[in-house]
Amino acid sequence: MIQLINKMTNKFLKRELPFSPDIPFPYLFSIIIERTIMLIRGGFVGILLKRHGFPLFIGKKTSIRCKNKISVGNCVSFQDQVIINALSYEGMEFGDNVSIGMRSMIKTSGSLTRIGKGFSIGHDSAMGNDCFVGAAGGVYIGNFVAIGQNVRFHSENHEFHDRERKICEQGVTHKGITVGDDVWIGAGAVLLDGVHIGNGCVIGANTLVNKDVPEYAIAAGNPVRVIGKRM
């Protein structure tokens, strides 16, 4: 049974992902049932998307708005209670083998008064549980990116320089956030508007990323600073 599942999984993912032979059969069987139900949901939702690959897995109590602005690749998974609102100029794009963790939220517009830019995440990238992506200014994530739990992306910033006016009346800026390929972002990190994380970076847990991080840097802290380099 394990060998059959490995064969089928590797066919969809187009890469080796061996399951442990020590997994108890009842546990494995429950996962198969769960994924089958998610696959059925994905079949109904997929026909409403702008473009979709196969298979598409959608968890229970997941909410997706503006489906016609969403493109998904092969073997994409939205876990339970994910909220996606794709109202934006560019829409959303999810590459092959992308997984979005439970209770995560991805929104491309902060309000009805200003339509947001868009969101994309490359192939073989994964987002942990309880993440938040505010993509009004555009959030673009590369390939092979591992994003931990409770990571937040804020591609919008309030203007506040005029003391004679209320902050809420001064408008916002949108510079966007970009993350390169082969990046690991630790749990609890916060990425602010305008930052770029280069290829191959490692961002420590609970880091406040308020400036660019160069390629292959190991960075951590509040605010972020480079503490090492991947050799």
Foldseek 3Di string as FASTA:
>chain_A
DQVVVQVVVCVQQVHGDHDDPPDDPVVVVVVVVQQVVQQVVQVVLQVQACAEEPREGEEALEAEAPRPLEHEYTPEYEYANEYEYQQADNGEYEEAPEYEEANEYAYQDPDPVAGAHYEYAYHCEYAYHQEYEHNRLHEYHYEQEYHYAHEYEEQKAFDDPDPVDDRVPRDIDGQYEYEYYQEYAAAQEYEYHPEYEAAQEYEYHNEDDPYYHYHQFYWGDVDIDTDGGDD
